[in-house]
């Protein structure tokens, strides 16, 4: 391995982690509809948590589907 391959490998790992964090933050923000947790009622907070959980499950299923599609084609 040369140094260019090692640098690319590290950059890919860092980018993947940053994108995953961004997706998580976006799902959380969308489920809260832009409100902070302090401004929400208990009912809104529980709904936001369940919506965030559902969003993360959908992302997980999309990743699984992408993997299966890659294996097929």
N, C-alpha and C. Protein backbone atom coordinates (compact mmCIF):
# COMPACT_ATOMS: atom_id res chain seq x y z
N UNK A 1 0.83 -1.19 0.00
CA UNK A 1 0.00 0.00 0.00
C UNK A 1 0.87 1.24 0.00
N UNK A 2 0.48 2.16 -0.81
CA UNK A 2 1.21 3.41 -0.79
C UNK A 2 0.48 4.43 0.08
N UNK A 3 1.09 5.55 0.29
CA UNK A 3 0.55 6.54 1.21
C UNK A 3 -0.78 7.12 0.71
N UNK A 4 -0.94 7.22 -0.61
CA UNK A 4 -2.17 7.75 -1.18
C UNK A 4 -3.36 6.85 -0.83
N UNK A 5 -3.19 5.55 -0.91
CA UNK A 5 -4.27 4.62 -0.58
C UNK A 5 -4.63 4.70 0.90
N UNK A 6 -3.63 4.83 1.74
CA UNK A 6 -3.88 4.93 3.18
C UNK A 6 -4.65 6.22 3.51
N UNK A 7 -4.23 7.32 2.90
CA UNK A 7 -4.92 8.59 3.13
C UNK A 7 -6.37 8.49 2.65
N UNK A 8 -6.59 7.92 1.48
CA UNK A 8 -7.95 7.78 0.96
C UNK A 8 -8.81 6.91 1.87
N UNK A 9 -8.24 5.85 2.43
CA UNK A 9 -8.97 4.97 3.32
C UNK A 9 -9.41 5.73 4.58
N UNK A 10 -8.51 6.50 5.13
CA UNK A 10 -8.83 7.28 6.34
C UNK A 10 -9.89 8.33 6.03
N UNK A 11 -9.74 9.02 4.91
CA UNK A 11 -10.71 10.05 4.53
C UNK A 11 -12.08 9.44 4.33
N UNK A 12 -12.17 8.27 3.70
CA UNK A 12 -13.46 7.61 3.51
C UNK A 12 -14.12 7.26 4.83
N UNK A 13 -13.36 6.77 5.79
CA UNK A 13 -13.92 6.42 7.09
C UNK A 13 -14.43 7.66 7.82
N UNK A 14 -13.68 8.74 7.79
CA UNK A 14 -14.09 9.97 8.45
C UNK A 14 -15.34 10.53 7.77
N UNK A 15 -15.35 10.53 6.45
CA UNK A 15 -16.51 11.03 5.70
C UNK A 15 -17.74 10.20 6.01
N UNK A 16 -17.61 8.89 6.06
CA UNK A 16 -18.74 8.01 6.36
C UNK A 16 -19.32 8.32 7.74
N UNK A 17 -18.46 8.52 8.72
CA UNK A 17 -18.94 8.83 10.07
C UNK A 17 -19.64 10.18 10.12
N UNK A 18 -19.09 11.18 9.42
CA UNK A 18 -19.70 12.50 9.40
C UNK A 18 -21.07 12.47 8.71
N UNK A 19 -21.17 11.73 7.62
CA UNK A 19 -22.45 11.64 6.91
C UNK A 19 -23.48 10.93 7.78
N UNK A 20 -23.08 9.87 8.46
CA UNK A 20 -24.00 9.16 9.35
C UNK A 20 -24.48 10.07 10.48
N UNK A 21 -23.58 10.84 11.06
CA UNK A 21 -23.98 11.80 12.10
C UNK A 21 -24.96 12.82 11.54
N UNK A 22 -24.69 13.32 10.33
CA UNK A 22 -25.56 14.29 9.70
C UNK A 22 -26.95 13.73 9.44
N UNK A 23 -27.02 12.49 9.01
CA UNK A 23 -28.31 11.85 8.77
C UNK A 23 -29.07 11.72 10.08
N UNK A 24 -28.39 11.30 11.13
CA UNK A 24 -29.04 11.17 12.44
C UNK A 24 -29.58 12.51 12.94
N UNK A 25 -28.77 13.55 12.81
CA UNK A 25 -29.20 14.88 13.26
C UNK A 25 -30.38 15.36 12.43
N UNK A 26 -30.34 15.11 11.12
CA UNK A 26 -31.44 15.52 10.26
C UNK A 26 -32.74 14.81 10.58
N UNK A 27 -32.65 13.51 10.87
CA UNK A 27 -33.84 12.74 11.24
C UNK A 27 -34.40 13.27 12.56
N UNK A 28 -33.54 13.52 13.52
CA UNK A 28 -33.99 14.05 14.80
C UNK A 28 -34.64 15.42 14.64
N UNK A 29 -34.03 16.28 13.83
CA UNK A 29 -34.57 17.62 13.62
C UNK A 29 -35.92 17.56 12.91
N UNK A 30 -36.03 16.68 11.93
CA UNK A 30 -37.30 16.56 11.20
C UNK A 30 -38.40 16.01 12.10
N UNK A 31 -38.04 15.08 12.96
CA UNK A 31 -39.06 14.50 13.84
C UNK A 31 -39.52 15.49 14.90
N UNK A 32 -38.64 16.42 15.28
CA UNK A 32 -39.02 17.45 16.26
C UNK A 32 -39.64 18.66 15.60
N UNK A 33 -39.59 18.72 14.28
CA UNK A 33 -40.11 19.84 13.50
C UNK A 33 -39.46 21.16 13.91
N UNK A 34 -38.18 21.10 14.21
CA UNK A 34 -37.42 22.31 14.50
C UNK A 34 -37.51 22.81 15.93
N UNK A 35 -38.33 22.19 16.76
CA UNK A 35 -38.44 22.64 18.15
C UNK A 35 -37.32 22.05 18.99
N UNK A 36 -36.93 22.77 20.02
CA UNK A 36 -35.97 22.20 20.94
C UNK A 36 -36.71 21.28 21.92
N UNK A 37 -35.99 20.41 22.55
CA UNK A 37 -36.62 19.45 23.47
C UNK A 37 -37.25 20.15 24.67
N UNK A 38 -36.72 21.30 25.04
CA UNK A 38 -37.26 22.04 26.19
C UNK A 38 -38.61 22.66 25.88
N UNK A 39 -38.84 23.02 24.61
CA UNK A 39 -40.09 23.67 24.22
C UNK A 39 -41.23 22.69 23.99
N UNK A 40 -40.94 21.40 23.96
CA UNK A 40 -41.97 20.41 23.65
C UNK A 40 -42.68 19.92 24.90
N UNK A 41 -43.93 19.51 24.71
CA UNK A 41 -44.66 18.87 25.79
C UNK A 41 -44.23 17.41 25.86
N UNK A 42 -44.66 16.70 26.89
CA UNK A 42 -44.29 15.29 27.01
C UNK A 42 -44.82 14.47 25.84
N UNK A 43 -46.04 14.78 25.41
CA UNK A 43 -46.63 14.05 24.30
C UNK A 43 -45.85 14.29 23.00
N UNK A 44 -45.51 15.55 22.74
CA UNK A 44 -44.73 15.86 21.55
C UNK A 44 -43.36 15.19 21.60
N UNK A 45 -42.76 15.17 22.77
CA UNK A 45 -41.44 14.56 22.92
C UNK A 45 -41.49 13.06 22.64
N UNK A 46 -42.52 12.39 23.15
CA UNK A 46 -42.62 10.94 22.91
C UNK A 46 -42.90 10.65 21.43
N UNK A 47 -43.74 11.50 20.79
CA UNK A 47 -43.99 11.32 19.36
C UNK A 47 -42.72 11.54 18.54
N UNK A 48 -41.94 12.55 18.93
CA UNK A 48 -40.70 12.84 18.21
C UNK A 48 -39.72 11.69 18.34
N UNK A 49 -39.64 11.10 19.52
CA UNK A 49 -38.74 9.97 19.72
C UNK A 49 -39.16 8.79 18.87
N UNK A 50 -40.46 8.50 18.81
CA UNK A 50 -40.92 7.36 18.01
C UNK A 50 -40.71 7.63 16.53
N UNK A 51 -40.93 8.88 16.09
CA UNK A 51 -40.69 9.21 14.69
C UNK A 51 -39.22 9.11 14.34
N UNK A 52 -38.36 9.53 15.25
CA UNK A 52 -36.92 9.43 15.01
C UNK A 52 -36.51 7.97 14.91
N UNK A 53 -37.07 7.14 15.79
CA UNK A 53 -36.77 5.70 15.75
C UNK A 53 -37.22 5.10 14.42
N UNK A 54 -38.42 5.48 13.96
CA UNK A 54 -38.92 4.97 12.69
C UNK A 54 -38.04 5.44 11.53
N UNK A 55 -37.59 6.67 11.58
CA UNK A 55 -36.72 7.20 10.53
C UNK A 55 -35.40 6.46 10.48
N UNK A 56 -34.83 6.18 11.64
CA UNK A 56 -33.57 5.44 11.68
C UNK A 56 -33.77 4.01 11.18
N UNK A 57 -34.91 3.41 11.48
CA UNK A 57 -35.21 2.07 10.97
C UNK A 57 -35.32 2.09 9.44
N UNK A 58 -35.94 3.15 8.91
CA UNK A 58 -36.07 3.25 7.45
C UNK A 58 -34.70 3.41 6.80
N UNK A 59 -33.82 4.18 7.42
CA UNK A 59 -32.46 4.33 6.89
C UNK A 59 -31.74 2.99 6.92
N UNK A 60 -31.92 2.24 8.00
CA UNK A 60 -31.29 0.93 8.12
C UNK A 60 -31.78 -0.01 7.03
N UNK A 61 -33.11 -0.01 6.77
CA UNK A 61 -33.66 -0.87 5.72
C UNK A 61 -33.17 -0.45 4.34
N UNK A 62 -33.03 0.86 4.12
CA UNK A 62 -32.53 1.34 2.83
C UNK A 62 -31.09 0.88 2.60
N UNK A 63 -30.28 0.91 3.65
CA UNK A 63 -28.90 0.44 3.53
C UNK A 63 -28.86 -1.05 3.24
N UNK A 64 -29.74 -1.82 3.89
CA UNK A 64 -29.80 -3.25 3.62
C UNK A 64 -30.21 -3.52 2.18
N UNK A 65 -31.20 -2.78 1.70
CA UNK A 65 -31.66 -2.94 0.32
C UNK A 65 -30.54 -2.59 -0.66
N UNK A 66 -29.78 -1.56 -0.33
CA UNK A 66 -28.67 -1.18 -1.20
C UNK A 66 -27.63 -2.31 -1.27
N UNK A 67 -27.34 -2.92 -0.13
CA UNK A 67 -26.37 -4.02 -0.11
C UNK A 67 -26.86 -5.21 -0.93
N UNK A 68 -28.15 -5.55 -0.76
CA UNK A 68 -28.70 -6.68 -1.50
C UNK A 68 -28.68 -6.39 -3.00
N UNK A 69 -29.01 -5.16 -3.37
CA UNK A 69 -29.02 -4.79 -4.79
C UNK A 69 -27.61 -4.88 -5.38
N UNK A 70 -26.62 -4.48 -4.63
CA UNK A 70 -25.23 -4.58 -5.11
C UNK A 70 -24.86 -6.02 -5.36
N UNK A 71 -25.28 -6.92 -4.47
CA UNK A 71 -24.94 -8.33 -4.63
C UNK A 71 -25.63 -8.95 -5.84
N UNK A 72 -26.83 -8.47 -6.14
CA UNK A 72 -27.57 -9.03 -7.28
C UNK A 72 -27.02 -8.58 -8.61
N UNK A 73 -26.56 -7.34 -8.68
CA UNK A 73 -26.11 -6.81 -9.97
C UNK A 73 -24.65 -6.65 -9.97
